[in-house]
């Protein structure tokens, strides 16, 4: 049982080594809302220190540990396939969403997600998982800044995001992202 939890952010040696412009896609995430940066502008990796052993490092490791501690394993998927899909989206969150910083990166991320969510309610299909929660936190700063037209362009992402932000207990301290109910433009003349 986790009695006392102290979360801190330490500079990641891997991220420090990758500051030469070769990217940072392999760097772990640093917090619920995305990658945190230190005073030197380096990406940092979260660390969870418990009273019951060594500290845990990395967003995905910490999140999966806390899910298991809370006895909410269904958030990691129920079947082997669901578990693999959840893991895939958690990795995507760390490598692409946290690593993406340019407008083009953002466009590719939103396009990938929009295609994936075309026939799905959640990232893993029809079940709400940890992947939905962490992807929501990773995308919040992007979705807040999208124009109405951009939100309409990525309609499946917008639908999913709006659904997740209203899922009980998810949004927490983050601002509500407003989506209009009716499309501004129609094909009818």
N, C-alpha and C. Protein backbone atom coordinates (compact mmCIF):
# COMPACT_ATOMS: atom_id res chain seq x y z
N UNK A 1 0.84 -1.18 0.00
CA UNK A 1 0.00 0.00 0.00
C UNK A 1 0.88 1.24 0.00
N UNK A 2 0.50 2.23 -0.76
CA UNK A 2 1.25 3.47 -0.82
C UNK A 2 0.71 4.39 0.25
N UNK A 3 1.53 4.64 1.28
CA UNK A 3 1.09 5.51 2.37
C UNK A 3 1.41 6.96 2.06
N UNK A 4 2.63 7.23 1.75
CA UNK A 4 3.02 8.61 1.46
C UNK A 4 3.65 8.63 0.08
N UNK A 5 3.21 9.53 -0.72
CA UNK A 5 3.71 9.63 -2.07
C UNK A 5 4.30 11.01 -2.26
N UNK A 6 5.52 11.04 -2.75
CA UNK A 6 6.15 12.30 -3.08
C UNK A 6 6.55 12.19 -4.54
N UNK A 7 5.94 13.00 -5.36
CA UNK A 7 6.29 13.00 -6.78
C UNK A 7 7.25 14.14 -7.04
N UNK A 8 8.28 13.85 -7.78
CA UNK A 8 9.22 14.89 -8.15
C UNK A 8 9.63 14.68 -9.59
N UNK A 9 10.25 15.67 -10.15
CA UNK A 9 10.69 15.58 -11.53
C UNK A 9 12.19 15.74 -11.55
N UNK A 10 12.86 14.76 -12.13
CA UNK A 10 14.30 14.79 -12.26
C UNK A 10 14.67 14.87 -13.73
N UNK A 11 15.76 15.57 -14.06
CA UNK A 11 16.18 15.60 -15.45
C UNK A 11 16.49 14.19 -15.91
N UNK A 12 16.04 13.85 -17.09
CA UNK A 12 16.30 12.54 -17.64
C UNK A 12 17.65 12.54 -18.35
N UNK A 13 18.58 11.62 -17.99
CA UNK A 13 19.85 11.57 -18.68
C UNK A 13 19.67 11.32 -20.17
N UNK A 14 18.71 10.47 -20.53
CA UNK A 14 18.47 10.20 -21.95
C UNK A 14 18.00 11.46 -22.66
N UNK A 15 17.13 12.23 -21.99
CA UNK A 15 16.62 13.45 -22.60
C UNK A 15 17.73 14.48 -22.72
N UNK A 16 18.59 14.55 -21.70
CA UNK A 16 19.71 15.49 -21.73
C UNK A 16 20.61 15.16 -22.90
N UNK A 17 20.87 13.88 -23.11
CA UNK A 17 21.75 13.46 -24.19
C UNK A 17 21.13 13.74 -25.56
N UNK A 18 19.82 13.81 -25.63
CA UNK A 18 19.15 14.01 -26.91
C UNK A 18 18.88 15.47 -27.24
N UNK A 19 19.37 16.38 -26.42
CA UNK A 19 19.11 17.79 -26.66
C UNK A 19 19.93 18.34 -27.82
N UNK A 20 20.71 17.50 -28.48
CA UNK A 20 21.52 17.96 -29.59
C UNK A 20 20.73 18.11 -30.89
N UNK A 21 19.42 17.91 -30.81
CA UNK A 21 18.59 18.07 -32.01
C UNK A 21 18.20 16.75 -32.63
N UNK A 22 18.68 15.65 -32.07
CA UNK A 22 18.32 14.35 -32.63
C UNK A 22 16.96 13.90 -32.18
N UNK A 23 16.28 14.74 -31.38
CA UNK A 23 14.91 14.44 -30.96
C UNK A 23 14.87 14.06 -29.51
N UNK A 24 13.70 13.72 -29.05
CA UNK A 24 13.53 13.33 -27.67
C UNK A 24 12.41 12.34 -27.57
N UNK A 25 12.13 11.65 -28.68
CA UNK A 25 10.97 10.78 -28.73
C UNK A 25 11.03 9.67 -27.72
N UNK A 26 12.22 9.26 -27.31
CA UNK A 26 12.32 8.17 -26.36
C UNK A 26 12.24 8.63 -24.92
N UNK A 27 12.12 9.91 -24.69
CA UNK A 27 12.10 10.43 -23.33
C UNK A 27 10.74 10.20 -22.70
N UNK A 28 10.75 9.93 -21.42
CA UNK A 28 9.48 9.69 -20.72
C UNK A 28 8.73 10.98 -20.51
N UNK A 29 7.43 10.83 -20.28
CA UNK A 29 6.59 11.99 -20.03
C UNK A 29 6.85 12.54 -18.65
N UNK A 30 6.38 13.73 -18.42
CA UNK A 30 6.68 14.34 -17.15
C UNK A 30 5.48 15.03 -16.55
N UNK A 31 4.48 14.29 -16.27
CA UNK A 31 3.35 14.89 -15.59
C UNK A 31 2.06 14.70 -16.36
N UNK A 32 0.97 14.96 -15.67
CA UNK A 32 -0.32 14.70 -16.26
C UNK A 32 -0.60 15.57 -17.47
N UNK A 33 -0.12 16.78 -17.48
CA UNK A 33 -0.44 17.66 -18.59
C UNK A 33 0.60 17.64 -19.68
N UNK A 34 1.63 16.83 -19.57
CA UNK A 34 2.62 16.75 -20.64
C UNK A 34 4.02 16.85 -20.09
N UNK A 35 4.96 17.04 -20.98
CA UNK A 35 6.35 17.07 -20.59
C UNK A 35 6.66 18.36 -19.83
N UNK A 36 7.28 18.21 -18.68
CA UNK A 36 7.70 19.36 -17.91
C UNK A 36 9.15 19.66 -18.27
N UNK A 37 9.51 20.90 -18.18
CA UNK A 37 10.89 21.25 -18.46
C UNK A 37 11.46 21.98 -17.27
N UNK A 38 12.72 21.76 -17.04
CA UNK A 38 13.41 22.40 -15.93
C UNK A 38 13.93 23.76 -16.32
N UNK A 39 14.68 24.35 -15.41
CA UNK A 39 15.20 25.69 -15.62
C UNK A 39 16.10 25.74 -16.84
N UNK A 40 16.80 24.65 -17.13
CA UNK A 40 17.70 24.63 -18.27
C UNK A 40 16.97 24.28 -19.56
N UNK A 41 15.64 24.07 -19.49
CA UNK A 41 14.86 23.75 -20.68
C UNK A 41 14.91 22.28 -21.04
N UNK A 42 15.47 21.46 -20.16
CA UNK A 42 15.55 20.03 -20.44
C UNK A 42 14.27 19.34 -20.02
N UNK A 43 13.88 18.34 -20.80
CA UNK A 43 12.70 17.57 -20.44
C UNK A 43 13.01 16.79 -19.17
N UNK A 44 12.01 16.64 -18.32
CA UNK A 44 12.20 15.94 -17.07
C UNK A 44 11.29 14.73 -17.02
N UNK A 45 11.69 13.76 -16.22
CA UNK A 45 10.95 12.52 -16.07
C UNK A 45 10.40 12.45 -14.65
N UNK A 46 9.11 12.08 -14.50
CA UNK A 46 8.55 12.00 -13.15
C UNK A 46 9.13 10.83 -12.36
N UNK A 47 9.21 11.03 -11.06
CA UNK A 47 9.68 9.99 -10.15
C UNK A 47 8.65 9.87 -9.03
N UNK A 48 8.27 8.64 -8.73
CA UNK A 48 7.34 8.38 -7.63
C UNK A 48 8.12 7.70 -6.52
N UNK A 49 8.16 8.33 -5.36
CA UNK A 49 8.84 7.76 -4.22
C UNK A 49 7.78 7.30 -3.22
N UNK A 50 7.80 6.02 -2.87
CA UNK A 50 6.85 5.49 -1.91
C UNK A 50 7.61 5.09 -0.64
N UNK A 51 6.87 4.74 0.39
CA UNK A 51 7.49 4.26 1.62
C UNK A 51 7.84 2.78 1.54
N UNK A 52 7.46 2.13 0.44
CA UNK A 52 7.59 0.67 0.36
C UNK A 52 8.65 0.18 -0.59
N UNK A 53 9.65 0.94 -0.89
CA UNK A 53 10.69 0.43 -1.77
C UNK A 53 11.32 1.52 -2.61
N UNK A 54 11.99 1.08 -3.67
CA UNK A 54 12.69 2.05 -4.51
C UNK A 54 11.71 2.93 -5.28
N UNK A 55 12.18 4.09 -5.68
CA UNK A 55 11.35 5.00 -6.46
C UNK A 55 11.09 4.44 -7.84
N UNK A 56 9.99 4.84 -8.42
CA UNK A 56 9.63 4.44 -9.78
C UNK A 56 9.83 5.64 -10.68
N UNK A 57 10.33 5.40 -11.88
CA UNK A 57 10.63 6.47 -12.82
C UNK A 57 9.86 6.27 -14.11
N UNK A 58 9.31 7.35 -14.65
CA UNK A 58 8.63 7.32 -15.93
C UNK A 58 7.12 7.37 -15.79
N UNK A 59 6.50 8.16 -16.63
CA UNK A 59 5.06 8.36 -16.56
C UNK A 59 4.27 7.06 -16.67
N UNK A 60 4.59 6.22 -17.65
CA UNK A 60 3.83 4.99 -17.86
C UNK A 60 4.02 4.00 -16.71
N UNK A 61 5.23 3.88 -16.24
CA UNK A 61 5.52 2.98 -15.12
C UNK A 61 4.76 3.40 -13.87
N UNK A 62 4.81 4.67 -13.56
CA UNK A 62 4.12 5.20 -12.38
C UNK A 62 2.61 5.04 -12.52
N UNK A 63 2.08 5.40 -13.69
CA UNK A 63 0.63 5.31 -13.90
C UNK A 63 0.14 3.87 -13.76
N UNK A 64 0.84 2.92 -14.38
CA UNK A 64 0.44 1.51 -14.30
C UNK A 64 0.53 1.02 -12.86
N UNK A 65 1.56 1.43 -12.14
CA UNK A 65 1.72 1.05 -10.73
C UNK A 65 0.55 1.56 -9.90
N UNK A 66 0.18 2.82 -10.09
CA UNK A 66 -0.91 3.41 -9.31
C UNK A 66 -2.25 2.75 -9.64
N UNK A 67 -2.44 2.39 -10.90
CA UNK A 67 -3.67 1.68 -11.30
C UNK A 67 -3.76 0.34 -10.57
N UNK A 68 -2.64 -0.37 -10.52
CA UNK A 68 -2.63 -1.67 -9.82
C UNK A 68 -2.83 -1.49 -8.32
N UNK A 69 -2.21 -0.48 -7.75
CA UNK A 69 -2.36 -0.21 -6.32
C UNK A 69 -3.82 0.12 -5.97
N UNK A 70 -4.50 0.79 -6.87
CA UNK A 70 -5.90 1.16 -6.65
C UNK A 70 -6.85 0.00 -6.98
N UNK A 71 -6.28 -1.12 -7.41
CA UNK A 71 -7.06 -2.30 -7.80
C UNK A 71 -8.06 -1.96 -8.91
N UNK A 72 -7.58 -1.22 -9.90
CA UNK A 72 -8.37 -0.83 -11.07
C UNK A 72 -7.71 -1.38 -12.34
N UNK A 73 -7.30 -2.65 -12.30
CA UNK A 73 -6.56 -3.25 -13.40
C UNK A 73 -7.30 -3.20 -14.72
N UNK A 74 -8.65 -3.08 -14.68
CA UNK A 74 -9.42 -3.00 -15.92
C UNK A 74 -9.01 -1.78 -16.74
N UNK A 75 -8.42 -0.77 -16.08
CA UNK A 75 -7.96 0.41 -16.82
C UNK A 75 -6.76 0.09 -17.71
N UNK A 76 -6.14 -1.08 -17.50
CA UNK A 76 -5.01 -1.50 -18.34
C UNK A 76 -5.47 -2.42 -19.46
N UNK A 77 -6.79 -2.72 -19.50
CA UNK A 77 -7.35 -3.63 -20.49
C UNK A 77 -7.72 -4.95 -19.85
N UNK A 78 -8.71 -5.62 -20.44
CA UNK A 78 -9.17 -6.89 -19.89
C UNK A 78 -8.58 -8.09 -20.63
N UNK A 79 -8.55 -8.04 -21.94
CA UNK A 79 -8.02 -9.15 -22.74
C UNK A 79 -6.58 -8.85 -23.12
N UNK A 80 -5.90 -9.86 -23.63
CA UNK A 80 -4.52 -9.66 -24.07
C UNK A 80 -4.45 -8.60 -25.18
N UNK A 81 -5.43 -8.63 -26.07
CA UNK A 81 -5.45 -7.65 -27.16
C UNK A 81 -5.69 -6.24 -26.63
N UNK A 82 -6.64 -6.08 -25.71
CA UNK A 82 -6.90 -4.76 -25.13
C UNK A 82 -5.67 -4.25 -24.39
N UNK A 83 -5.01 -5.12 -23.65
CA UNK A 83 -3.80 -4.71 -22.93
C UNK A 83 -2.72 -4.23 -23.89
N UNK A 84 -2.59 -4.93 -25.01
CA UNK A 84 -1.59 -4.53 -26.01
C UNK A 84 -1.95 -3.18 -26.63
N UNK A 85 -3.24 -2.96 -26.92
CA UNK A 85 -3.68 -1.69 -27.50
C UNK A 85 -3.47 -0.55 -26.50
N UNK A 86 -3.80 -0.79 -25.23
CA UNK A 86 -3.57 0.23 -24.20
C UNK A 86 -2.09 0.56 -24.13
N UNK A 87 -1.24 -0.45 -24.11
CA UNK A 87 0.21 -0.22 -24.05
C UNK A 87 0.68 0.56 -25.28
N UNK A 88 0.14 0.22 -26.44
CA UNK A 88 0.50 0.92 -27.68
C UNK A 88 0.21 2.41 -27.57
N UNK A 89 -0.99 2.76 -27.06
CA UNK A 89 -1.36 4.17 -26.96
C UNK A 89 -0.61 4.88 -25.84
N UNK A 90 -0.25 4.16 -24.78
CA UNK A 90 0.59 4.76 -23.74
C UNK A 90 1.96 5.10 -24.31
N UNK A 91 2.51 4.19 -25.11
CA UNK A 91 3.81 4.46 -25.74
C UNK A 91 3.70 5.62 -26.73
N UNK A 92 2.62 5.66 -27.48
CA UNK A 92 2.39 6.76 -28.42
C UNK A 92 2.34 8.09 -27.66
N UNK A 93 1.69 8.08 -26.53
CA UNK A 93 1.59 9.29 -25.69
C UNK A 93 2.97 9.81 -25.32
N UNK A 94 3.84 8.90 -24.88
CA UNK A 94 5.17 9.31 -24.44
C UNK A 94 6.06 9.67 -25.63
N UNK A 95 6.05 8.87 -26.67
CA UNK A 95 6.99 9.09 -27.76
C UNK A 95 6.55 10.16 -28.75
N UNK A 96 5.27 10.24 -29.04
CA UNK A 96 4.81 11.18 -30.06
C UNK A 96 4.21 12.44 -29.45
N UNK A 97 3.29 12.31 -28.52
CA UNK A 97 2.62 13.48 -27.97
C UNK A 97 3.58 14.31 -27.13
N UNK A 98 4.32 13.66 -26.25
CA UNK A 98 5.30 14.40 -25.44
C UNK A 98 6.45 14.89 -26.30
N UNK A 99 6.83 14.12 -27.32
CA UNK A 99 7.96 14.49 -28.16
C UNK A 99 7.62 15.51 -29.23
N UNK A 100 6.32 15.62 -29.57
CA UNK A 100 5.92 16.53 -30.64
C UNK A 100 5.85 17.96 -30.18
N UNK A 101 6.53 18.84 -30.90
CA UNK A 101 6.53 20.24 -30.48
C UNK A 101 6.19 21.19 -31.62
N UNK A 102 6.30 20.74 -32.84
CA UNK A 102 6.03 21.64 -33.96
C UNK A 102 4.57 21.55 -34.38
N UNK A 103 4.15 22.51 -35.19
CA UNK A 103 2.78 22.51 -35.73
C UNK A 103 2.56 21.24 -36.56
N UNK A 104 3.59 20.84 -37.30
CA UNK A 104 3.48 19.64 -38.14
C UNK A 104 3.32 18.40 -37.27
N UNK A 105 4.08 18.30 -36.17
CA UNK A 105 3.93 17.18 -35.23
C UNK A 105 2.50 17.11 -34.71
N UNK A 106 1.97 18.26 -34.32
CA UNK A 106 0.61 18.34 -33.79
C UNK A 106 -0.40 17.90 -34.84
N UNK A 107 -0.23 18.35 -36.07
CA UNK A 107 -1.13 17.98 -37.15
C UNK A 107 -1.12 16.46 -37.38
N UNK A 108 0.05 15.86 -37.36
CA UNK A 108 0.18 14.41 -37.57
C UNK A 108 -0.47 13.64 -36.42
N UNK A 109 -0.25 14.09 -35.20
CA UNK A 109 -0.84 13.44 -34.02
C UNK A 109 -2.37 13.49 -34.11
N UNK A 110 -2.91 14.66 -34.40
CA UNK A 110 -4.37 14.80 -34.49
C UNK A 110 -4.93 13.99 -35.65
N UNK A 111 -4.21 13.94 -36.75
CA UNK A 111 -4.66 13.15 -37.91
C UNK A 111 -4.65 11.66 -37.55
N UNK A 112 -3.58 11.17 -36.94
CA UNK A 112 -3.50 9.76 -36.52
C UNK A 112 -4.66 9.40 -35.61
N UNK A 113 -4.87 10.22 -34.60
CA UNK A 113 -5.95 9.95 -33.64
C UNK A 113 -7.32 10.04 -34.30
N UNK A 114 -7.50 11.00 -35.18
CA UNK A 114 -8.79 11.18 -35.84
C UNK A 114 -9.15 9.94 -36.67
N UNK A 115 -8.18 9.40 -37.36
CA UNK A 115 -8.41 8.18 -38.15
C UNK A 115 -8.70 7.01 -37.23
N UNK A 116 -7.91 6.85 -36.18
CA UNK A 116 -8.09 5.73 -35.25
C UNK A 116 -9.46 5.78 -34.57
N UNK A 117 -9.91 6.96 -34.21
CA UNK A 117 -11.16 7.10 -33.45
C UNK A 117 -12.41 7.15 -34.33
N UNK A 118 -12.23 6.97 -35.62
CA UNK A 118 -13.37 7.06 -36.55
C UNK A 118 -14.50 6.10 -36.17
N UNK A 119 -14.17 4.90 -35.74
CA UNK A 119 -15.20 3.92 -35.39
C UNK A 119 -15.07 3.41 -33.96
N UNK A 120 -14.48 4.23 -33.09
CA UNK A 120 -14.26 3.83 -31.71
C UNK A 120 -14.73 4.91 -30.75
N UNK A 121 -15.19 4.48 -29.58
CA UNK A 121 -15.58 5.41 -28.52
C UNK A 121 -14.34 5.80 -27.72
N UNK A 122 -13.48 4.83 -27.46
CA UNK A 122 -12.27 5.03 -26.66
C UNK A 122 -11.07 4.55 -27.46
N UNK A 123 -9.88 4.88 -27.02
CA UNK A 123 -8.67 4.49 -27.74
C UNK A 123 -8.54 2.97 -27.88
N UNK A 124 -8.96 2.23 -26.84
CA UNK A 124 -8.85 0.77 -26.89
C UNK A 124 -10.13 0.12 -27.41
N UNK A 125 -10.99 0.88 -28.03
CA UNK A 125 -12.22 0.33 -28.59
C UNK A 125 -13.44 0.81 -27.84
N UNK A 126 -14.04 -0.10 -27.09
CA UNK A 126 -15.28 0.23 -26.38
C UNK A 126 -15.12 0.29 -24.87
N UNK A 127 -13.87 0.30 -24.39
CA UNK A 127 -13.66 0.39 -22.95
C UNK A 127 -12.77 1.60 -22.62
N UNK A 128 -13.12 2.25 -21.54
CA UNK A 128 -12.35 3.38 -21.01
C UNK A 128 -11.11 2.83 -20.33
N UNK A 129 -9.92 3.35 -20.69
CA UNK A 129 -8.68 2.84 -20.12
C UNK A 129 -7.74 3.97 -19.71
N UNK A 130 -6.65 3.57 -19.12
CA UNK A 130 -5.59 4.50 -18.74
C UNK A 130 -5.08 5.28 -19.96
N UNK A 131 -5.09 4.64 -21.12
CA UNK A 131 -4.64 5.33 -22.34
C UNK A 131 -5.49 6.56 -22.62
N UNK A 132 -6.80 6.46 -22.40
CA UNK A 132 -7.69 7.61 -22.60
C UNK A 132 -7.35 8.73 -21.64
N UNK A 133 -7.13 8.39 -20.39
CA UNK A 133 -6.84 9.41 -19.37
C UNK A 133 -5.53 10.13 -19.69
N UNK A 134 -4.47 9.37 -19.93
CA UNK A 134 -3.17 10.01 -20.15
C UNK A 134 -3.10 10.72 -21.49
N UNK A 135 -3.79 10.21 -22.50
CA UNK A 135 -3.82 10.91 -23.79
C UNK A 135 -4.59 12.22 -23.62
N UNK A 136 -5.67 12.20 -22.86
CA UNK A 136 -6.43 13.42 -22.59
C UNK A 136 -5.51 14.48 -21.97
N UNK A 137 -4.77 14.10 -20.96
CA UNK A 137 -3.87 15.06 -20.31
C UNK A 137 -2.77 15.53 -21.25
N UNK A 138 -2.30 14.64 -22.10
CA UNK A 138 -1.27 15.02 -23.05
C UNK A 138 -1.75 15.96 -24.14
N UNK A 139 -3.03 15.85 -24.50
CA UNK A 139 -3.59 16.67 -25.58
C UNK A 139 -4.28 17.94 -25.10
N UNK A 140 -4.53 18.07 -23.83
CA UNK A 140 -5.32 19.21 -23.34
C UNK A 140 -4.77 20.54 -23.83
N UNK A 141 -3.47 20.76 -23.69
CA UNK A 141 -2.88 22.04 -24.10
C UNK A 141 -3.02 22.28 -25.60
N UNK A 142 -3.11 21.23 -26.38
CA UNK A 142 -3.31 21.35 -27.82
C UNK A 142 -4.76 21.70 -28.12
N UNK A 143 -5.68 20.96 -27.50
CA UNK A 143 -7.11 21.15 -27.77
C UNK A 143 -7.59 22.54 -27.34
N UNK A 144 -7.05 23.06 -26.26
CA UNK A 144 -7.41 24.40 -25.78
C UNK A 144 -7.12 25.45 -26.84
N UNK A 145 -6.04 25.27 -27.58
CA UNK A 145 -5.61 26.27 -28.55
C UNK A 145 -6.19 26.09 -29.95
N UNK A 146 -6.93 25.01 -30.21
CA UNK A 146 -7.49 24.80 -31.54
C UNK A 146 -8.64 25.77 -31.81
N UNK A 147 -8.73 26.22 -33.04
CA UNK A 147 -9.86 27.05 -33.45
C UNK A 147 -11.09 26.16 -33.63
N UNK A 148 -12.24 26.76 -33.76
CA UNK A 148 -13.47 26.01 -34.01
C UNK A 148 -13.33 25.18 -35.28
N UNK A 149 -12.75 25.78 -36.32
CA UNK A 149 -12.57 25.08 -37.59
C UNK A 149 -11.63 23.89 -37.45
N UNK A 150 -10.56 24.05 -36.67
CA UNK A 150 -9.64 22.94 -36.46
C UNK A 150 -10.30 21.82 -35.67
N UNK A 151 -11.10 22.17 -34.68
CA UNK A 151 -11.83 21.15 -33.92
C UNK A 151 -12.78 20.38 -34.84
N UNK A 152 -13.39 21.07 -35.78
CA UNK A 152 -14.28 20.40 -36.73
C UNK A 152 -13.50 19.53 -37.69
N UNK A 153 -12.31 19.96 -38.07
CA UNK A 153 -11.47 19.17 -38.98
C UNK A 153 -11.12 17.83 -38.34
N UNK A 154 -10.87 17.84 -37.04
CA UNK A 154 -10.54 16.62 -36.30
C UNK A 154 -11.75 16.23 -35.45
N UNK A 155 -12.86 16.01 -36.12
CA UNK A 155 -14.14 15.79 -35.47
C UNK A 155 -14.14 14.58 -34.53
N UNK A 156 -13.49 13.49 -34.93
CA UNK A 156 -13.45 12.29 -34.09
C UNK A 156 -12.63 12.52 -32.82
N UNK A 157 -11.53 13.25 -32.96
CA UNK A 157 -10.72 13.59 -31.79
C UNK A 157 -11.52 14.50 -30.87
N UNK A 158 -12.22 15.47 -31.45
CA UNK A 158 -13.02 16.40 -30.66
C UNK A 158 -14.12 15.67 -29.90
N UNK A 159 -14.80 14.75 -30.58
CA UNK A 159 -15.86 13.96 -29.94
C UNK A 159 -15.29 13.15 -28.77
N UNK A 160 -14.17 12.46 -29.03
CA UNK A 160 -13.52 11.64 -27.99
C UNK A 160 -13.07 12.53 -26.82
N UNK A 161 -12.39 13.63 -27.14
CA UNK A 161 -11.85 14.51 -26.11
C UNK A 161 -12.96 15.06 -25.23
N UNK A 162 -14.03 15.51 -25.85
CA UNK A 162 -15.16 16.06 -25.10
C UNK A 162 -15.77 14.98 -24.19
N UNK A 163 -15.88 13.78 -24.70
CA UNK A 163 -16.41 12.67 -23.89
C UNK A 163 -15.50 12.38 -22.69
N UNK A 164 -14.20 12.34 -22.93
CA UNK A 164 -13.25 12.04 -21.85
C UNK A 164 -13.22 13.16 -20.81
N UNK A 165 -13.27 14.41 -21.25
CA UNK A 165 -13.21 15.50 -20.26
C UNK A 165 -14.43 15.52 -19.35
N UNK A 166 -15.52 14.90 -19.79
CA UNK A 166 -16.72 14.83 -18.95
C UNK A 166 -16.84 13.50 -18.21
N UNK A 167 -15.88 12.61 -18.39
CA UNK A 167 -15.87 11.35 -17.66
C UNK A 167 -15.59 11.67 -16.20
N UNK A 168 -16.36 11.12 -15.27
CA UNK A 168 -16.20 11.47 -13.85
C UNK A 168 -14.76 11.34 -13.35
N UNK A 169 -14.27 12.41 -12.75
CA UNK A 169 -12.96 12.41 -12.12
C UNK A 169 -11.78 12.63 -13.03
N UNK A 170 -11.99 12.81 -14.33
CA UNK A 170 -10.86 12.94 -15.24
C UNK A 170 -10.32 14.36 -15.32
N UNK A 171 -11.16 15.33 -15.61
CA UNK A 171 -10.69 16.69 -15.90
C UNK A 171 -9.95 17.33 -14.73
N UNK A 172 -10.42 17.10 -13.52
CA UNK A 172 -9.79 17.64 -12.32
C UNK A 172 -9.60 19.16 -12.42
N UNK A 173 -8.36 19.62 -12.41
CA UNK A 173 -8.04 21.04 -12.37
C UNK A 173 -7.96 21.70 -13.74
N UNK A 174 -8.00 20.91 -14.81
CA UNK A 174 -7.86 21.47 -16.15
C UNK A 174 -9.13 22.20 -16.58
N UNK A 175 -8.95 23.20 -17.42
CA UNK A 175 -10.10 23.95 -17.91
C UNK A 175 -10.94 23.10 -18.86
N UNK A 176 -12.22 23.41 -18.90
CA UNK A 176 -13.13 22.74 -19.81
C UNK A 176 -12.88 23.29 -21.21
N UNK A 177 -12.69 22.39 -22.18
CA UNK A 177 -12.52 22.81 -23.56
C UNK A 177 -13.90 22.83 -24.19
N UNK A 178 -14.26 23.97 -24.78
CA UNK A 178 -15.60 24.15 -25.32
C UNK A 178 -15.66 23.65 -26.76
N UNK A 179 -16.69 22.87 -27.04
CA UNK A 179 -16.97 22.39 -28.39
C UNK A 179 -18.38 22.83 -28.75
N UNK A 180 -18.56 23.30 -29.96
CA UNK A 180 -19.91 23.69 -30.36
C UNK A 180 -20.71 22.44 -30.70
N UNK A 181 -22.00 22.52 -30.51
CA UNK A 181 -22.88 21.37 -30.72
C UNK A 181 -23.21 21.16 -32.19
N UNK A 182 -23.35 22.24 -32.93
CA UNK A 182 -23.73 22.13 -34.34
C UNK A 182 -22.57 22.58 -35.20
N UNK A 183 -22.42 21.91 -36.31
CA UNK A 183 -21.35 22.29 -37.25
C UNK A 183 -21.63 23.67 -37.80
N UNK A 184 -20.58 24.46 -37.95
CA UNK A 184 -20.74 25.81 -38.49
C UNK A 184 -21.10 25.79 -39.97
N UNK A 185 -20.49 24.87 -40.67
CA UNK A 185 -20.67 24.84 -42.12
C UNK A 185 -21.33 23.52 -42.51
N UNK A 186 -22.22 23.59 -43.44
CA UNK A 186 -22.85 22.37 -43.94
C UNK A 186 -22.60 22.30 -45.44
N UNK A 187 -22.80 21.13 -46.00
CA UNK A 187 -22.64 20.97 -47.45
C UNK A 187 -23.90 21.36 -48.18
N UNK A 188 -25.02 21.54 -47.45
CA UNK A 188 -26.28 21.90 -48.09
C UNK A 188 -26.24 23.35 -48.53
N UNK A 189 -26.87 23.63 -49.63
CA UNK A 189 -26.94 25.00 -50.14
C UNK A 189 -28.29 25.58 -49.95
